[in-house]
Amino acid sequence: MKVTISKQCMGDRNCNDLCPEVFKYDEDQLLSTIQIDPIPDHLKDIVRRAATECGADAITIEE
């Protein structure tokens, strides 16, 4: 699984709260970034949840 975050990110940090192992908030850019790639198996379900709950639809998943 590969995850990307588009420039549509609103910086609400929901993904960071759900899965801080994968998502990191960039204070300078005011948006979230991906810390690890590819996503480990044990984190895939929570990353999918973060993508589903993203209000800006900024998280894209490639299985």
N, C-alpha and C. Protein backbone atom coordinates (compact mmCIF):
# COMPACT_ATOMS: atom_id res chain seq x y z
N MET A 1 0.84 -1.18 0.00
CA MET A 1 0.00 0.00 0.00
C MET A 1 0.89 1.24 0.00
N LYS A 2 0.53 2.16 -0.88
CA LYS A 2 1.22 3.45 -0.94
C LYS A 2 0.18 4.54 -0.70
N VAL A 3 0.55 5.53 0.09
CA VAL A 3 -0.38 6.61 0.45
C VAL A 3 0.24 7.95 0.05
N THR A 4 -0.59 8.83 -0.48
CA THR A 4 -0.15 10.19 -0.79
C THR A 4 -1.18 11.17 -0.22
N ILE A 5 -0.71 12.37 0.04
CA ILE A 5 -1.59 13.45 0.50
C ILE A 5 -1.47 14.60 -0.50
N SER A 6 -2.60 15.01 -1.03
CA SER A 6 -2.61 16.09 -2.03
C SER A 6 -2.55 17.45 -1.35
N LYS A 7 -2.42 18.47 -2.18
CA LYS A 7 -2.39 19.84 -1.68
C LYS A 7 -3.75 20.30 -1.19
N GLN A 8 -4.77 19.45 -1.35
CA GLN A 8 -6.10 19.77 -0.84
C GLN A 8 -6.17 19.63 0.68
N CYS A 9 -5.12 19.10 1.29
CA CYS A 9 -5.09 18.90 2.74
C CYS A 9 -5.44 20.20 3.46
N MET A 10 -6.40 20.10 4.39
CA MET A 10 -6.85 21.27 5.15
C MET A 10 -6.09 21.42 6.46
N GLY A 11 -5.28 20.43 6.80
CA GLY A 11 -4.51 20.52 8.03
C GLY A 11 -5.33 20.37 9.29
N ASP A 12 -6.43 19.61 9.22
CA ASP A 12 -7.25 19.43 10.43
C ASP A 12 -6.67 18.39 11.39
N ARG A 13 -5.64 17.69 10.97
CA ARG A 13 -4.88 16.74 11.78
C ARG A 13 -5.64 15.49 12.20
N ASN A 14 -6.78 15.22 11.60
CA ASN A 14 -7.51 14.01 11.95
C ASN A 14 -6.67 12.77 11.64
N CYS A 15 -6.01 12.74 10.49
CA CYS A 15 -5.18 11.58 10.14
C CYS A 15 -4.02 11.43 11.12
N ASN A 16 -3.47 12.54 11.56
CA ASN A 16 -2.38 12.50 12.53
C ASN A 16 -2.84 11.91 13.85
N ASP A 17 -4.05 12.26 14.25
CA ASP A 17 -4.60 11.74 15.49
C ASP A 17 -4.90 10.24 15.38
N LEU A 18 -5.41 9.82 14.23
CA LEU A 18 -5.75 8.42 14.02
C LEU A 18 -4.52 7.52 13.91
N CYS A 19 -3.50 7.99 13.20
CA CYS A 19 -2.34 7.14 12.94
C CYS A 19 -1.04 7.95 12.90
N PRO A 20 -0.55 8.35 14.06
CA PRO A 20 0.67 9.15 14.10
C PRO A 20 1.93 8.40 13.63
N GLU A 21 1.83 7.07 13.54
CA GLU A 21 2.96 6.30 13.02
C GLU A 21 3.18 6.55 11.53
N VAL A 22 2.12 6.91 10.82
CA VAL A 22 2.18 7.14 9.38
C VAL A 22 2.12 8.62 9.03
N PHE A 23 1.21 9.35 9.65
CA PHE A 23 0.97 10.75 9.30
C PHE A 23 1.66 11.69 10.28
N LYS A 24 2.30 12.70 9.74
CA LYS A 24 2.98 13.70 10.56
C LYS A 24 2.52 15.08 10.10
N TYR A 25 2.30 15.97 11.06
CA TYR A 25 1.88 17.32 10.72
C TYR A 25 3.10 18.20 10.54
N ASP A 26 3.16 18.88 9.41
CA ASP A 26 4.25 19.80 9.10
C ASP A 26 3.82 21.20 9.52
N GLU A 27 4.41 21.70 10.57
CA GLU A 27 4.04 23.02 11.11
C GLU A 27 4.36 24.16 10.14
N ASP A 28 5.38 24.00 9.32
CA ASP A 28 5.75 25.05 8.36
C ASP A 28 4.79 25.10 7.18
N GLN A 29 4.42 23.92 6.68
CA GLN A 29 3.53 23.83 5.52
C GLN A 29 2.05 23.87 5.90
N LEU A 30 1.77 23.62 7.19
CA LEU A 30 0.40 23.56 7.72
C LEU A 30 -0.43 22.48 7.04
N LEU A 31 0.20 21.32 6.84
CA LEU A 31 -0.50 20.16 6.29
C LEU A 31 0.18 18.89 6.74
N SER A 32 -0.49 17.78 6.51
CA SER A 32 0.05 16.49 6.92
C SER A 32 0.95 15.92 5.85
N THR A 33 1.90 15.09 6.29
CA THR A 33 2.81 14.41 5.38
C THR A 33 2.86 12.93 5.77
N ILE A 34 3.43 12.13 4.88
CA ILE A 34 3.57 10.70 5.11
C ILE A 34 4.97 10.43 5.65
N GLN A 35 5.06 9.69 6.76
CA GLN A 35 6.35 9.40 7.36
C GLN A 35 6.97 8.10 6.88
N ILE A 36 6.15 7.11 6.53
CA ILE A 36 6.69 5.82 6.10
C ILE A 36 6.02 5.35 4.81
N ASP A 37 6.80 4.68 3.99
CA ASP A 37 6.30 4.18 2.72
C ASP A 37 7.14 2.97 2.34
N PRO A 38 6.57 1.85 2.03
CA PRO A 38 5.14 1.55 2.01
C PRO A 38 4.57 1.38 3.42
N ILE A 39 3.27 1.32 3.49
CA ILE A 39 2.58 1.20 4.78
C ILE A 39 2.67 -0.25 5.27
N PRO A 40 3.11 -0.46 6.50
CA PRO A 40 3.16 -1.82 7.06
C PRO A 40 1.75 -2.43 7.18
N ASP A 41 1.68 -3.73 7.06
CA ASP A 41 0.39 -4.43 7.10
C ASP A 41 -0.44 -4.09 8.34
N HIS A 42 0.20 -3.99 9.49
CA HIS A 42 -0.57 -3.77 10.72
C HIS A 42 -1.18 -2.38 10.83
N LEU A 43 -0.82 -1.47 9.91
CA LEU A 43 -1.37 -0.11 9.94
C LEU A 43 -2.33 0.18 8.78
N LYS A 44 -2.50 -0.76 7.89
CA LYS A 44 -3.30 -0.52 6.68
C LYS A 44 -4.76 -0.17 6.98
N ASP A 45 -5.37 -0.85 7.91
CA ASP A 45 -6.79 -0.58 8.20
C ASP A 45 -6.99 0.82 8.76
N ILE A 46 -6.12 1.26 9.63
CA ILE A 46 -6.27 2.60 10.21
C ILE A 46 -5.96 3.68 9.17
N VAL A 47 -5.06 3.40 8.25
CA VAL A 47 -4.77 4.35 7.17
C VAL A 47 -5.97 4.46 6.23
N ARG A 48 -6.61 3.34 5.96
CA ARG A 48 -7.83 3.37 5.14
C ARG A 48 -8.91 4.21 5.84
N ARG A 49 -9.03 4.05 7.15
CA ARG A 49 -10.00 4.83 7.92
C ARG A 49 -9.67 6.32 7.83
N ALA A 50 -8.40 6.66 7.96
CA ALA A 50 -7.99 8.07 7.86
C ALA A 50 -8.36 8.64 6.50
N ALA A 51 -8.17 7.86 5.45
CA ALA A 51 -8.51 8.33 4.09
C ALA A 51 -10.02 8.54 3.96
N THR A 52 -10.79 7.62 4.52
CA THR A 52 -12.25 7.71 4.46
C THR A 52 -12.76 8.93 5.23
N GLU A 53 -12.14 9.21 6.36
CA GLU A 53 -12.59 10.31 7.22
C GLU A 53 -12.00 11.67 6.85
N CYS A 54 -11.11 11.71 5.89
CA CYS A 54 -10.48 12.97 5.48
C CYS A 54 -11.53 13.89 4.87
N GLY A 55 -11.78 15.02 5.51
CA GLY A 55 -12.79 15.96 5.05
C GLY A 55 -12.48 16.59 3.70
N ALA A 56 -11.22 16.67 3.36
CA ALA A 56 -10.82 17.29 2.09
C ALA A 56 -10.59 16.26 0.99
N ASP A 57 -10.79 14.98 1.29
CA ASP A 57 -10.48 13.90 0.34
C ASP A 57 -9.06 14.04 -0.19
N ALA A 58 -8.12 14.39 0.68
CA ALA A 58 -6.75 14.65 0.28
C ALA A 58 -5.85 13.40 0.34
N ILE A 59 -6.34 12.33 0.95
CA ILE A 59 -5.52 11.12 1.11
C ILE A 59 -5.89 10.12 0.01
N THR A 60 -4.90 9.71 -0.77
CA THR A 60 -5.09 8.74 -1.83
C THR A 60 -4.32 7.47 -1.48
N ILE A 61 -4.97 6.34 -1.68
CA ILE A 61 -4.35 5.05 -1.39
C ILE A 61 -4.23 4.26 -2.68
N GLU A 62 -3.05 3.70 -2.88
CA GLU A 62 -2.81 2.77 -3.98
C GLU A 62 -2.52 1.42 -3.34
N GLU A 63 -3.39 0.44 -3.61
CA GLU A 63 -3.21 -0.88 -3.01
C GLU A 63 -2.16 -1.68 -3.76
